[in-house]
C-alpha atoms as a PDB file:
ATOM      1  CA  MET A   1      84.789  59.526 -44.039  1.00  0.00           C
ATOM      2  CA  GLY A   2      84.065  63.279 -44.213  1.00  0.00           C
ATOM      3  CA  LEU A   3      82.689  63.328 -40.675  1.00  0.00           C
ATOM      4  CA  THR A   4      83.586  65.607 -37.789  1.00  0.00           C
ATOM      5  CA  PRO A   5      86.298  63.857 -35.724  1.00  0.00           C
ATOM      6  CA  ARG A   6      84.186  63.299 -32.640  1.00  0.00           C
ATOM      7  CA  TRP A   7      81.513  60.979 -31.388  1.00  0.00           C
ATOM      8  CA  ARG A   8      78.542  61.367 -29.107  1.00  0.00           C
ATOM      9  CA  LEU A   9      76.991  59.025 -26.576  1.00  0.00           C
ATOM     10  CA  LEU A  10      73.372  59.964 -26.053  1.00  0.00           C
ATOM     11  CA  ALA A  11      72.478  58.678 -22.615  1.00  0.00           C
ATOM     12  CA  PRO A  12      69.020  57.506 -21.517  1.00  0.00           C
ATOM     13  CA  ALA A  13      66.349  60.127 -21.037  1.00  0.00           C
ATOM     14  CA  GLY A  14      67.104  62.500 -18.198  1.00  0.00           C
ATOM     15  CA  LEU A  15      70.894  62.114 -18.394  1.00  0.00           C
ATOM     16  CA  LEU A  16      73.369  64.404 -20.110  1.00  0.00           C
ATOM     17  CA  ALA A  17      75.252  63.453 -23.259  1.00  0.00           C
ATOM     18  CA  ALA A  18      79.006  62.907 -23.107  1.00  0.00           C
ATOM     19  CA  VAL A  19      81.382  64.033 -25.858  1.00  0.00           C
ATOM     20  CA  LEU A  20      84.629  62.086 -26.416  1.00  0.00           C
ATOM     21  CA  ALA A  21      87.379  62.252 -29.052  1.00  0.00           C
ATOM     22  CA  LEU A  22      87.354  59.527 -31.722  1.00  0.00           C
ATOM     23  CA  PRO A  23      87.950  59.512 -35.500  1.00  0.00           C
ATOM     24  CA  LEU A  24      84.266  59.157 -36.452  1.00  0.00           C
ATOM     25  CA  GLU A  25      81.023  60.666 -35.276  1.00  0.00           C
ATOM     26  CA  LEU A  26      79.450  57.770 -33.403  1.00  0.00           C
ATOM     27  CA  ARG A  27      76.267  57.878 -31.393  1.00  0.00           C
ATOM     28  CA  SER A  28      74.501  55.530 -29.067  1.00  0.00           C
ATOM     29  CA  THR A  29      71.669  55.744 -26.607  1.00  0.00           C
ATOM     30  CA  GLY A  30      70.182  53.325 -24.108  1.00  0.00           C
ATOM     31  CA  LEU A  31      66.789  53.021 -22.441  1.00  0.00           C
ATOM     32  CA  SER A  32      65.325  50.687 -19.853  1.00  0.00           C
ATOM     33  CA  ASP A  33      61.873  49.838 -18.599  1.00  0.00           C
ATOM     34  CA  GLY A  34      61.242  52.744 -16.247  1.00  0.00           C
ATOM     35  CA  GLN A  35      57.782  53.217 -17.733  1.00  0.00           C
ATOM     36  CA  GLU A  36      54.672  51.134 -18.238  1.00  0.00           C
ATOM     37  CA  PRO A  37      54.377  49.752 -21.776  1.00  0.00           C
ATOM     38  CA  GLU A  38      51.743  51.033 -24.099  1.00  0.00           C
ATOM     39  CA  ALA A  39      49.323  48.415 -25.318  1.00  0.00           C
ATOM     40  CA  ALA A  40      51.192  46.599 -28.060  1.00  0.00           C
ATOM     41  CA  ALA A  41      49.817  48.206 -31.173  1.00  0.00           C
ATOM     42  CA  GLY A  42      51.364  45.447 -33.246  1.00  0.00           C
ATOM     43  CA  LEU A  43      51.353  45.093 -36.961  1.00  0.00           C
ATOM     44  CA  ALA A  44      48.112  46.937 -37.679  1.00  0.00           C
ATOM     45  CA  SER A  45      49.344  50.352 -36.517  1.00  0.00           C
ATOM     46  CA  GLY A  46      52.739  50.201 -38.209  1.00  0.00           C
ATOM     47  CA  CYS A  47      54.444  50.017 -34.815  1.00  0.00           C
ATOM     48  CA  ALA A  48      56.158  46.814 -35.914  1.00  0.00           C
ATOM     49  CA  GLY A  49      56.317  44.648 -38.995  1.00  0.00           C
ATOM     50  CA  ASP A  50      58.035  41.741 -40.634  1.00  0.00           C
ATOM     51  CA  ALA A  51      61.698  41.615 -39.695  1.00  0.00           C
ATOM     52  CA  PRO A  52      64.032  41.568 -42.698  1.00  0.00           C
ATOM     53  CA  ALA A  53      66.659  38.984 -43.513  1.00  0.00           C
ATOM     54  CA  PRO A  54      69.968  39.996 -41.890  1.00  0.00           C
ATOM     55  CA  VAL A  55      72.521  42.206 -43.567  1.00  0.00           C
ATOM     56  CA  ASP A  56      75.223  40.388 -41.575  1.00  0.00           C
ATOM     57  CA  ALA A  57      74.049  37.755 -39.098  1.00  0.00           C
ATOM     58  CA  ALA A  58      77.639  37.086 -38.020  1.00  0.00           C
ATOM     59  CA  PHE A  59      77.965  40.734 -36.937  1.00  0.00           C
ATOM     60  CA  GLU A  60      74.793  40.450 -34.875  1.00  0.00           C
ATOM     61  CA  GLN A  61      75.947  37.211 -33.277  1.00  0.00           C
ATOM     62  CA  ARG A  62      79.357  38.715 -32.569  1.00  0.00           C
ATOM     63  CA  VAL A  63      77.832  41.611 -30.627  1.00  0.00           C
ATOM     64  CA  ALA A  64      75.887  39.201 -28.399  1.00  0.00           C
ATOM     65  CA  PHE A  65      79.016  37.157 -27.735  1.00  0.00           C
ATOM     66  CA  LEU A  66      81.128  40.237 -26.941  1.00  0.00           C
ATOM     67  CA  VAL A  67      78.463  41.520 -24.553  1.00  0.00           C
ATOM     68  CA  ASN A  68      78.462  38.159 -22.795  1.00  0.00           C
ATOM     69  CA  LEU A  69      82.229  38.363 -22.410  1.00  0.00           C
ATOM     70  CA  GLN A  70      81.690  41.683 -20.630  1.00  0.00           C
ATOM     71  CA  ARG A  71      79.025  40.142 -18.421  1.00  0.00           C
ATOM     72  CA  ARG A  72      81.293  37.222 -17.553  1.00  0.00           C
ATOM     73  CA  ALA A  73      84.113  39.595 -16.608  1.00  0.00           C
ATOM     74  CA  ALA A  74      81.673  41.353 -14.273  1.00  0.00           C
ATOM     75  CA  GLY A  75      80.408  38.096 -12.767  1.00  0.00           C
ATOM     76  CA  VAL A  76      77.000  38.362 -14.484  1.00  0.00           C
ATOM     77  CA  PRO A  77      75.314  35.361 -16.207  1.00  0.00           C
ATOM     78  CA  PRO A  78      75.241  35.305 -20.034  1.00  0.00           C
ATOM     79  CA  LEU A  79      72.324  36.455 -22.132  1.00  0.00           C
ATOM     80  CA  LYS A  80      70.498  34.005 -24.390  1.00  0.00           C
ATOM     81  CA  THR A  81      69.936  35.196 -27.973  1.00  0.00           C
ATOM     82  CA  VAL A  82      66.299  34.643 -28.948  1.00  0.00           C
ATOM     83  CA  GLU A  83      64.575  35.086 -32.279  1.00  0.00           C
ATOM     84  CA  ALA A  84      61.857  37.433 -30.974  1.00  0.00           C
ATOM     85  CA  LEU A  85      64.317  40.055 -29.717  1.00  0.00           C
ATOM     86  CA  THR A  86      66.559  39.578 -32.752  1.00  0.00           C
ATOM     87  CA  ARG A  87      63.625  40.350 -35.038  1.00  0.00           C
ATOM     88  CA  SER A  88      62.686  43.366 -32.924  1.00  0.00           C
ATOM     89  CA  ALA A  89      66.216  44.776 -32.945  1.00  0.00           C
ATOM     90  CA  ARG A  90      66.777  44.136 -36.651  1.00  0.00           C
ATOM     91  CA  PHE A  91      63.442  45.724 -37.550  1.00  0.00           C
ATOM     92  CA  PHE A  92      64.397  48.884 -35.670  1.00  0.00           C
ATOM     93  CA  ALA A  93      67.960  49.029 -37.015  1.00  0.00           C
ATOM     94  CA  ARG A  94      66.601  48.887 -40.559  1.00  0.00           C
ATOM     95  CA  LEU A  95      63.935  51.476 -39.781  1.00  0.00           C
ATOM     96  CA  MET A  96      66.507  53.956 -38.435  1.00  0.00           C
ATOM     97  CA  ALA A  97      68.719  53.457 -41.483  1.00  0.00           C
ATOM     98  CA  GLU A  98      65.995  53.626 -44.124  1.00  0.00           C
ATOM     99  CA  ASP A  99      64.109  56.564 -42.567  1.00  0.00           C
ATOM    100  CA  ASP A 100      67.446  58.145 -41.584  1.00  0.00           C
ATOM    101  CA  TYR A 101      66.930  59.079 -37.950  1.00  0.00           C
ATOM    102  CA  PHE A 102      68.507  58.442 -34.562  1.00  0.00           C
ATOM    103  CA  LEU A 103      66.587  59.756 -31.572  1.00  0.00           C
ATOM    104  CA  GLU A 104      67.185  59.540 -27.854  1.00  0.00           C
ATOM    105  CA  ASP A 105      63.653  58.452 -26.943  1.00  0.00           C
ATOM    106  CA  HIS A 106      63.926  55.146 -28.906  1.00  0.00           C
ATOM    107  CA  ASP A 107      60.309  55.477 -30.013  1.00  0.00           C
ATOM    108  CA  THR A 108      59.207  54.268 -33.431  1.00  0.00           C
ATOM    109  CA  TYR A 109      58.904  56.915 -36.146  1.00  0.00           C
ATOM    110  CA  ARG A 110      58.043  56.787 -39.829  1.00  0.00           C
ATOM    111  CA  ARG A 111      58.977  59.436 -42.369  1.00  0.00           C
ATOM    112  CA  SER A 112      55.988  60.993 -44.119  1.00  0.00           C
ATOM    113  CA  GLY A 113      56.156  63.969 -46.450  1.00  0.00           C
ATOM    114  CA  GLY A 114      59.761  64.511 -45.485  1.00  0.00           C
ATOM    115  CA  ARG A 115      59.105  64.710 -41.754  1.00  0.00           C
ATOM    116  CA  LEU A 116      59.203  62.158 -38.953  1.00  0.00           C
ATOM    117  CA  VAL A 117      55.900  61.057 -37.455  1.00  0.00           C
ATOM    118  CA  ARG A 118      55.876  59.186 -34.148  1.00  0.00           C
ATOM    119  CA  VAL A 119      54.077  55.849 -34.439  1.00  0.00           C
ATOM    120  CA  CYS A 120      54.422  54.297 -30.984  1.00  0.00           C
ATOM    121  CA  ALA A 121      56.545  53.965 -27.849  1.00  0.00           C
ATOM    122  CA  TRP A 122      59.692  51.874 -27.876  1.00  0.00           C
ATOM    123  CA  SER A 123      58.211  49.366 -25.401  1.00  0.00           C
ATOM    124  CA  ALA A 124      55.140  48.834 -27.587  1.00  0.00           C
ATOM    125  CA  ARG A 125      57.377  48.194 -30.594  1.00  0.00           C
ATOM    126  CA  ILE A 126      59.485  45.600 -28.802  1.00  0.00           C
ATOM    127  CA  GLY A 127      56.427  44.104 -27.107  1.00  0.00           C
ATOM    128  CA  ALA A 128      54.827  43.491 -30.494  1.00  0.00           C
ATOM    129  CA  PHE A 129      57.664  41.020 -31.158  1.00  0.00           C
ATOM    130  CA  TYR A 130      58.283  39.927 -27.557  1.00  0.00           C
ATOM    131  CA  PRO A 131      55.060  39.599 -25.526  1.00  0.00           C
ATOM    132  CA  ASP A 132      54.738  38.671 -21.838  1.00  0.00           C
ATOM    133  CA  TRP A 133      57.920  40.448 -20.849  1.00  0.00           C
ATOM    134  CA  THR A 134      58.742  41.264 -17.235  1.00  0.00           C
ATOM    135  CA  ALA A 135      61.906  43.302 -17.929  1.00  0.00           C
ATOM    136  CA  LEU A 136      62.821  45.254 -21.033  1.00  0.00           C
ATOM    137  CA  ALA A 137      65.635  47.543 -22.205  1.00  0.00           C
ATOM    138  CA  GLU A 138      67.350  48.688 -25.382  1.00  0.00           C
ATOM    139  CA  ASN A 139      70.685  50.105 -26.543  1.00  0.00           C
ATOM    140  CA  ILE A 140      71.048  51.640 -29.985  1.00  0.00           C
ATOM    141  CA  GLY A 141      74.037  53.040 -31.834  1.00  0.00           C
ATOM    142  CA  SER A 142      74.969  54.594 -35.154  1.00  0.00           C
ATOM    143  CA  GLY A 143      78.257  55.229 -36.924  1.00  0.00           C
ATOM    144  CA  TYR A 144      80.007  52.211 -35.436  1.00  0.00           C
ATOM    145  CA  GLU A 145      81.411  50.078 -38.240  1.00  0.00           C
ATOM    146  CA  THR A 146      82.170  46.835 -36.356  1.00  0.00           C
ATOM    147  CA  PRO A 147      80.778  44.816 -33.429  1.00  0.00           C
ATOM    148  CA  GLU A 148      83.902  45.577 -31.428  1.00  0.00           C
ATOM    149  CA  GLU A 149      83.406  49.327 -31.896  1.00  0.00           C
ATOM    150  CA  VAL A 150      79.757  49.420 -30.895  1.00  0.00           C
ATOM    151  CA  VAL A 151      80.264  47.240 -27.802  1.00  0.00           C
ATOM    152  CA  ALA A 152      83.254  49.362 -26.760  1.00  0.00           C
ATOM    153  CA  GLY A 153      81.116  52.482 -27.205  1.00  0.00           C
ATOM    154  CA  TRP A 154      78.318  51.107 -25.055  1.00  0.00           C
ATOM    155  CA  MET A 155      80.698  49.846 -22.380  1.00  0.00           C
ATOM    156  CA  GLY A 156      82.371  53.269 -22.295  1.00  0.00           C
ATOM    157  CA  SER A 157      79.067  54.891 -21.279  1.00  0.00           C
ATOM    158  CA  PRO A 158      78.008  54.282 -17.648  1.00  0.00           C
ATOM    159  CA  ALA A 159      74.311  54.212 -18.573  1.00  0.00           C
ATOM    160  CA  HIS A 160      74.726  51.727 -21.431  1.00  0.00           C
ATOM    161  CA  ARG A 161      77.149  49.610 -19.422  1.00  0.00           C
ATOM    162  CA  ALA A 162      74.601  49.387 -16.604  1.00  0.00           C
ATOM    163  CA  GLY A 163      71.985  48.108 -19.035  1.00  0.00           C
ATOM    164  CA  ILE A 164      74.338  45.518 -20.498  1.00  0.00           C
ATOM    165  CA  LEU A 165      75.299  44.233 -17.042  1.00  0.00           C
ATOM    166  CA  ASP A 166      71.762  44.286 -15.599  1.00  0.00           C
ATOM    167  CA  ARG A 167      70.980  40.931 -13.983  1.00  0.00           C
ATOM    168  CA  ARG A 168      67.261  41.381 -14.638  1.00  0.00           C
ATOM    169  CA  HIS A 169      67.859  40.667 -18.321  1.00  0.00           C
ATOM    170  CA  TRP A 170      68.093  37.020 -19.372  1.00  0.00           C
ATOM    171  CA  GLU A 171      67.517  37.254 -23.136  1.00  0.00           C
ATOM    172  CA  THR A 172      68.715  39.474 -25.953  1.00  0.00           C
ATOM    173  CA  GLY A 173      68.657  40.104 -29.681  1.00  0.00           C
ATOM    174  CA  VAL A 174      70.877  42.248 -31.908  1.00  0.00           C
ATOM    175  CA  GLY A 175      69.984  44.054 -35.111  1.00  0.00           C
ATOM    176  CA  TYR A 176      72.424  45.580 -37.618  1.00  0.00           C
ATOM    177  CA  TRP A 177      71.678  47.573 -40.775  1.00  0.00           C
ATOM    178  CA  THR A 178      73.618  49.762 -43.193  1.00  0.00           C
ATOM    179  CA  GLY A 179      72.598  52.993 -44.895  1.00  0.00           C
ATOM    180  CA  GLY A 180      71.292  56.357 -43.793  1.00  0.00           C
ATOM    181  CA  SER A 181      73.441  59.398 -43.170  1.00  0.00           C
ATOM    182  CA  GLU A 182      75.526  57.660 -40.498  1.00  0.00           C
ATOM    183  CA  GLY A 183      76.344  54.472 -42.375  1.00  0.00           C
ATOM    184  CA  TRP A 184      75.807  51.788 -39.735  1.00  0.00           C
ATOM    185  CA  TYR A 185      72.929  51.324 -37.294  1.00  0.00           C
ATOM    186  CA  TRP A 186      72.705  48.951 -34.343  1.00  0.00           C
ATOM    187  CA  ALA A 187      70.011  47.932 -31.883  1.00  0.00           C
ATOM    188  CA  MET A 188      70.366  45.536 -28.968  1.00  0.00           C
ATOM    189  CA  ASP A 189      67.203  44.593 -27.115  1.00  0.00           C
ATOM    190  CA  PHE A 190      67.217  43.013 -23.660  1.00  0.00           C
ATOM    191  CA  GLY A 191      64.396  41.233 -21.891  1.00  0.00           C
ATOM    192  CA  ARG A 192      63.028  38.604 -19.610  1.00  0.00           C
ATOM    193  CA  ARG A 193      59.764  36.680 -19.864  1.00  0.00           C
ATOM    194  CA  ALA A 194      57.613  35.065 -17.215  1.00  0.00           C
ATOM    195  CA  GLY A 195      58.021  31.288 -17.163  1.00  0.00           C
ATOM    196  CA  VAL A 196      61.011  31.238 -19.541  1.00  0.00           C
ATOM    197  CA  PHE A 197      64.296  29.857 -18.179  1.00  0.00           C
ATOM    198  CA  PRO A 198      67.015  29.953 -20.847  1.00  0.00           C
ATOM    199  CA  ALA A 199      70.024  27.681 -21.179  1.00  0.00           C
ATOM    200  CA  VAL A 200      73.164  29.252 -22.684  1.00  0.00           C
ATOM    201  CA  ILE A 201      76.181  27.349 -24.054  1.00  0.00           C
ATOM    202  CA  ASP A 202      79.621  28.987 -23.818  1.00  0.00           C
ATOM    203  CA  GLY A 203      78.230  32.502 -23.553  1.00  0.00           C
ATOM    204  CA  GLU A 204      76.576  32.266 -26.989  1.00  0.00           C
ATOM    205  CA  ALA A 205      79.806  31.481 -28.814  1.00  0.00           C
ATOM    206  CA  PRO A 206      78.863  30.589 -32.403  1.00  0.00           C
ATOM    207  CA  SER A 207      81.114  27.531 -32.479  1.00  0.00           C
ATOM    208  CA  THR A 208      83.573  25.475 -30.473  1.00  0.00           C
ATOM    209  CA  LEU A 209      86.574  23.277 -31.214  1.00  0.00           C
ATOM    210  CA  SER A 210      86.082  21.334 -27.992  1.00  0.00           C
ATOM    211  CA  ARG A 211      83.324  18.903 -27.094  1.00  0.00           C
ATOM    212  CA  ARG A 212      83.607  20.160 -23.522  1.00  0.00           C
ATOM    213  CA  VAL A 213      81.433  23.249 -23.040  1.00  0.00           C
ATOM    214  CA  ARG A 214      80.064  25.350 -20.188  1.00  0.00           C
ATOM    215  CA  VAL A 215      76.301  25.679 -19.801  1.00  0.00           C
ATOM    216  CA  HIS A 216      74.397  28.269 -17.765  1.00  0.00           C
ATOM    217  CA  VAL A 217      70.755  27.718 -16.784  1.00  0.00           C
ATOM    218  CA  TYR A 218      68.502  30.403 -15.328  1.00  0.00           C
ATOM    219  CA  GLY A 219      66.149  30.017 -12.400  1.00  0.00           C
ATOM    220  CA  GLU A 220      66.212  28.473  -8.958  1.00  0.00           C
ATOM    221  CA  TRP A 221      65.693  24.722  -8.955  1.00  0.00           C
ATOM    222  CA  GLN A 222      66.384  21.624  -6.880  1.00  0.00           C
ATOM    223  CA  GLU A 223      67.261  19.097  -9.577  1.00  0.00           C
ATOM    224  CA  MET A 224      68.301  18.992 -13.205  1.00  0.00           C
ATOM    225  CA  ARG A 225      69.208  16.619 -16.019  1.00  0.00           C
ATOM    226  CA  ALA A 226      70.496  17.139 -19.561  1.00  0.00           C
ATOM    227  CA  ALA A 227      70.553  15.461 -22.962  1.00  0.00           C
ATOM    228  CA  ASN A 228      72.378  15.809 -26.279  1.00  0.00           C
ATOM    229  CA  ASP A 229      70.563  16.262 -29.583  1.00  0.00           C
ATOM    230  CA  GLY A 230      67.139  15.114 -28.424  1.00  0.00           C
ATOM    231  CA  GLY A 231      68.508  11.856 -27.015  1.00  0.00           C
ATOM    232  CA  ALA A 232      68.018  10.184 -23.656  1.00  0.00           C
ATOM    233  CA  PHE A 233      68.399  12.280 -20.522  1.00  0.00           C
ATOM    234  CA  GLY A 234      70.920  11.452 -17.848  1.00  0.00           C
ATOM    235  CA  ARG A 235      69.940  10.945 -14.227  1.00  0.00           C
ATOM    236  CA  TRP A 236      68.426  13.693 -12.121  1.00  0.00           C
ATOM    237  CA  ARG A 237      71.050  15.445 -10.022  1.00  0.00           C
ATOM    238  CA  THR A 238      71.431  18.466  -7.781  1.00  0.00           C
ATOM    239  CA  PHE A 239      70.825  21.670  -9.698  1.00  0.00           C
ATOM    240  CA  GLU A 240      73.773  23.846 -10.705  1.00  0.00           C
ATOM    241  CA  SER A 241      73.263  27.093 -12.565  1.00  0.00           C
ATOM    242  CA  ASP A 242      76.639  26.582 -14.283  1.00  0.00           C
ATOM    243  CA  PHE A 243      77.984  23.175 -15.242  1.00  0.00           C
ATOM    244  CA  ASP A 244      80.372  21.484 -17.667  1.00  0.00           C
ATOM    245  CA  TRP A 245      78.894  19.326 -20.415  1.00  0.00           C
ATOM    246  CA  THR A 246      80.265  17.063 -23.155  1.00  0.00           C
ATOM    247  CA  LEU A 247      78.710  17.423 -26.601  1.00  0.00           C
ATOM    248  CA  ALA A 248      78.014  14.459 -28.854  1.00  0.00           C
ATOM    249  CA  ASP A 249      81.044  13.337 -30.844  1.00  0.00           C
ATOM    250  CA  ALA A 250      79.950  14.599 -34.253  1.00  0.00           C
ATOM    251  CA  ALA A 251      80.837  17.806 -36.061  1.00  0.00           C
ATOM    252  CA  GLY A 252      78.001  20.168 -36.898  1.00  0.00           C
ATOM    253  CA  LEU A 253      75.132  21.784 -35.046  1.00  0.00           C
ATOM    254  CA  ARG A 254      74.838  20.297 -31.561  1.00  0.00           C
ATOM    255  CA  THR A 255      71.893  20.762 -29.196  1.00  0.00           C
ATOM    256  CA  VAL A 256      71.800  20.591 -25.404  1.00  0.00           C
ATOM    257  CA  THR A 257      68.470  20.345 -23.592  1.00  0.00           C
ATOM    258  CA  VAL A 258      68.245  20.831 -19.835  1.00  0.00           C
ATOM    259  CA  GLN A 259      65.244  19.905 -17.689  1.00  0.00           C
ATOM    260  CA  MET A 260      64.821  21.446 -14.247  1.00  0.00           C
ATOM    261  CA  ARG A 261      62.408  20.810 -11.391  1.00  0.00           C
ATOM    262  CA  ALA A 262      61.640  21.947  -7.846  1.00  0.00           C
ATOM    263  CA  GLY A 263      58.637  20.381  -6.175  1.00  0.00           C
ATOM    264  CA  ARG A 264      55.728  20.700  -8.608  1.00  0.00           C
ATOM    265  CA  ARG A 265      57.529  23.332 -10.684  1.00  0.00           C
ATOM    266  CA  ALA A 266      59.294  22.187 -13.851  1.00  0.00           C
ATOM    267  CA  ALA A 267      60.809  23.830 -16.910  1.00  0.00           C
ATOM    268  CA  SER A 268      63.336  23.210 -19.645  1.00  0.00           C
ATOM    269  CA  GLY A 269      65.947  25.211 -21.525  1.00  0.00           C
ATOM    270  CA  ILE A 270      67.652  24.498 -24.837  1.00  0.00           C
ATOM    271  CA  ASP A 271      70.589  25.926 -26.759  1.00  0.00           C
ATOM    272  CA  THR A 272      72.742  25.049 -29.771  1.00  0.00           C
ATOM    273  CA  ILE A 273      76.351  25.466 -30.822  1.00  0.00           C
ATOM    274  CA  VAL A 274      78.377  24.343 -33.845  1.00  0.00           C
ATOM    275  CA  LEU A 275      81.064  21.782 -33.064  1.00  0.00           C
ATOM    276  CA  GLU A 276      83.841  22.344 -35.563  1.00  0.00           C
ATOM    277  CA  ALA A 277      85.365  19.338 -37.329  1.00  0.00           C
ATOM    278  CA  GLN A 278      88.733  18.376 -35.935  1.00  0.00           C
ATOM    279  CA  PRO A 279      91.656  17.978 -38.349  1.00  0.00           C
ATOM    280  CA  ARG A 280      92.579  14.359 -38.952  1.00  0.00           C
END
């Protein structure tokens, strides 16, 4: 690849970088919400913009699934992939590739007259896509060619690993883009929103061969009930944050909706998974 045979993990602000031996120069950096967000400047200031169509949506989905495998191994609930954080992460991955930069502060820059100009703070950028957040964090990486490589890089850094395994985060989104001087750019945004209680099927696996799946639901509730594909709900029963569920007997995209309640409080969560056709 013509690159120096080493890679760098740029830790969050205030921590030292670690240098390890690997065949490519690979870099990643993570940041969490240790600061108050700037007012979301939004589209007008150039802080954010329309998210592009994916370069490789399967790569993005694979990263989320691999991260959830790491969370499961550590006894941490799975993250739910949401469109708002996916758009935020993909926007930033493309921006880093097209304007060819990778900076530890995660802030949004635009290249003007050959130099980088800071546009806004990282939290304002993400908040423009993902309002009403109560927890926020981000990992980025460059030079990693595959989902397996970038997740291994993050998990090999104590700071990035801590962000991935943080129980305060309930939702995520992954962005992947190619180009720039380092070839491959990644962003993974983490968050949690007030009043949002996600449901997650099989740790965000893209598909399943079995109708029997495992569902996680966030929040603290007294009762719950679930339904397949917008159909009738079953009876109310004692709430379980993790439970087994049987999908409808039809190949294709299947949907599970969960309703939860506790006194006057009520909420619902929904997730989808593809049930693969069984050979006859």
